[in-house]
Amino acid sequence: MTEERPTPSLRIVRGNANEEELAALIAVVTDAYEREAADAVADEPSISAWQRTQRPLRKPLRRDIPWGRFSR
């Protein structure tokens, strides 16, 4: 499975850039974007031995199910 990342978009709103300047700008922005995306990795959650041995909390009581002879 390949991971698709969104591509950054670039729009020049002022001035007249030639092809060399645009190529340099795109190279710099692309490199900065790739570095930021590589550094934005979430840390693995660490689970302690205490958390592994903990019993899960009890599920809440279901009030919609009648109980014994005390129901209606």
Protein backbone atom coordinates (compact mmCIF):
# COMPACT_ATOMS: atom_id res chain seq x y z
CA MET A 1 0.00 0.00 0.00
CA THR A 2 1.52 3.30 -1.05
CA GLU A 3 1.03 6.33 1.11
CA GLU A 4 -0.11 9.37 -0.82
CA ARG A 5 0.81 12.72 0.60
CA PRO A 6 -0.89 15.92 -0.46
CA THR A 7 1.29 18.00 -2.75
CA PRO A 8 1.87 21.60 -1.78
CA SER A 9 0.55 24.19 -4.18
CA LEU A 10 2.41 27.35 -5.10
CA ARG A 11 0.96 30.50 -6.60
CA ILE A 12 2.94 33.58 -7.61
CA VAL A 13 0.81 36.66 -6.93
CA ARG A 14 3.31 39.43 -7.68
CA GLY A 15 6.25 40.02 -9.94
CA ASN A 16 7.58 38.28 -13.02
CA ALA A 17 9.63 35.21 -12.21
CA ASN A 18 11.55 33.47 -14.97
CA GLU A 19 11.80 29.68 -15.29
CA GLU A 20 15.09 29.43 -13.36
CA GLU A 21 13.74 31.40 -10.42
CA LEU A 22 10.56 29.31 -10.35
CA ALA A 23 12.59 26.08 -10.48
CA ALA A 24 14.78 27.26 -7.57
CA LEU A 25 11.72 28.28 -5.55
CA ILE A 26 9.96 24.97 -6.17
CA ALA A 27 13.11 23.03 -5.22
CA VAL A 28 13.51 24.93 -1.93
CA VAL A 29 9.82 24.70 -0.99
CA THR A 30 9.66 20.99 -1.90
CA ASP A 31 12.76 20.22 0.18
CA ALA A 32 11.41 22.13 3.18
CA TYR A 33 8.04 20.38 2.86
CA GLU A 34 9.63 16.91 2.68
CA ARG A 35 11.82 17.61 5.73
CA GLU A 36 8.82 18.84 7.72
CA ALA A 37 6.74 15.81 6.69
CA ALA A 38 9.57 13.45 7.70
CA ASP A 39 9.95 15.11 11.12
CA ALA A 40 6.19 15.08 11.81
CA VAL A 41 6.08 11.43 12.87
CA ALA A 42 4.14 10.70 16.04
CA ASP A 43 5.99 8.96 18.86
CA GLU A 44 5.05 5.38 19.68
CA PRO A 45 2.93 5.30 22.82
CA SER A 46 4.80 3.54 25.61
CA ILE A 47 2.79 1.16 27.77
CA SER A 48 4.16 0.49 31.23
CA ALA A 49 4.03 -2.88 32.97
CA TRP A 50 1.42 -1.41 35.33
CA GLN A 51 -0.87 -0.50 32.43
CA ARG A 52 -0.48 -3.95 30.88
CA THR A 53 -1.57 -5.70 34.05
CA GLN A 54 -4.47 -3.37 34.80
CA ARG A 55 -7.91 -4.90 34.58
CA PRO A 56 -10.16 -2.90 32.28
CA LEU A 57 -12.91 -0.84 33.87
CA ARG A 58 -16.33 -2.41 34.20
CA LYS A 59 -18.80 -1.56 31.49
CA PRO A 60 -21.66 0.68 32.63
CA LEU A 61 -24.88 -0.98 33.68
CA ARG A 62 -27.57 -1.23 31.05
CA ARG A 63 -30.67 0.45 32.40
CA ASP A 64 -32.82 -0.68 29.47
CA ILE A 65 -32.75 -4.38 30.49
CA PRO A 66 -35.14 -5.24 33.35
CA TRP A 67 -33.65 -7.09 36.30
CA GLY A 68 -35.35 -10.02 38.07
CA ARG A 69 -38.73 -9.64 39.76
CA PHE A 70 -38.22 -5.96 40.37
CA SER A 71 -39.04 -5.13 36.77
CA ARG A 72 -42.48 -3.77 36.01
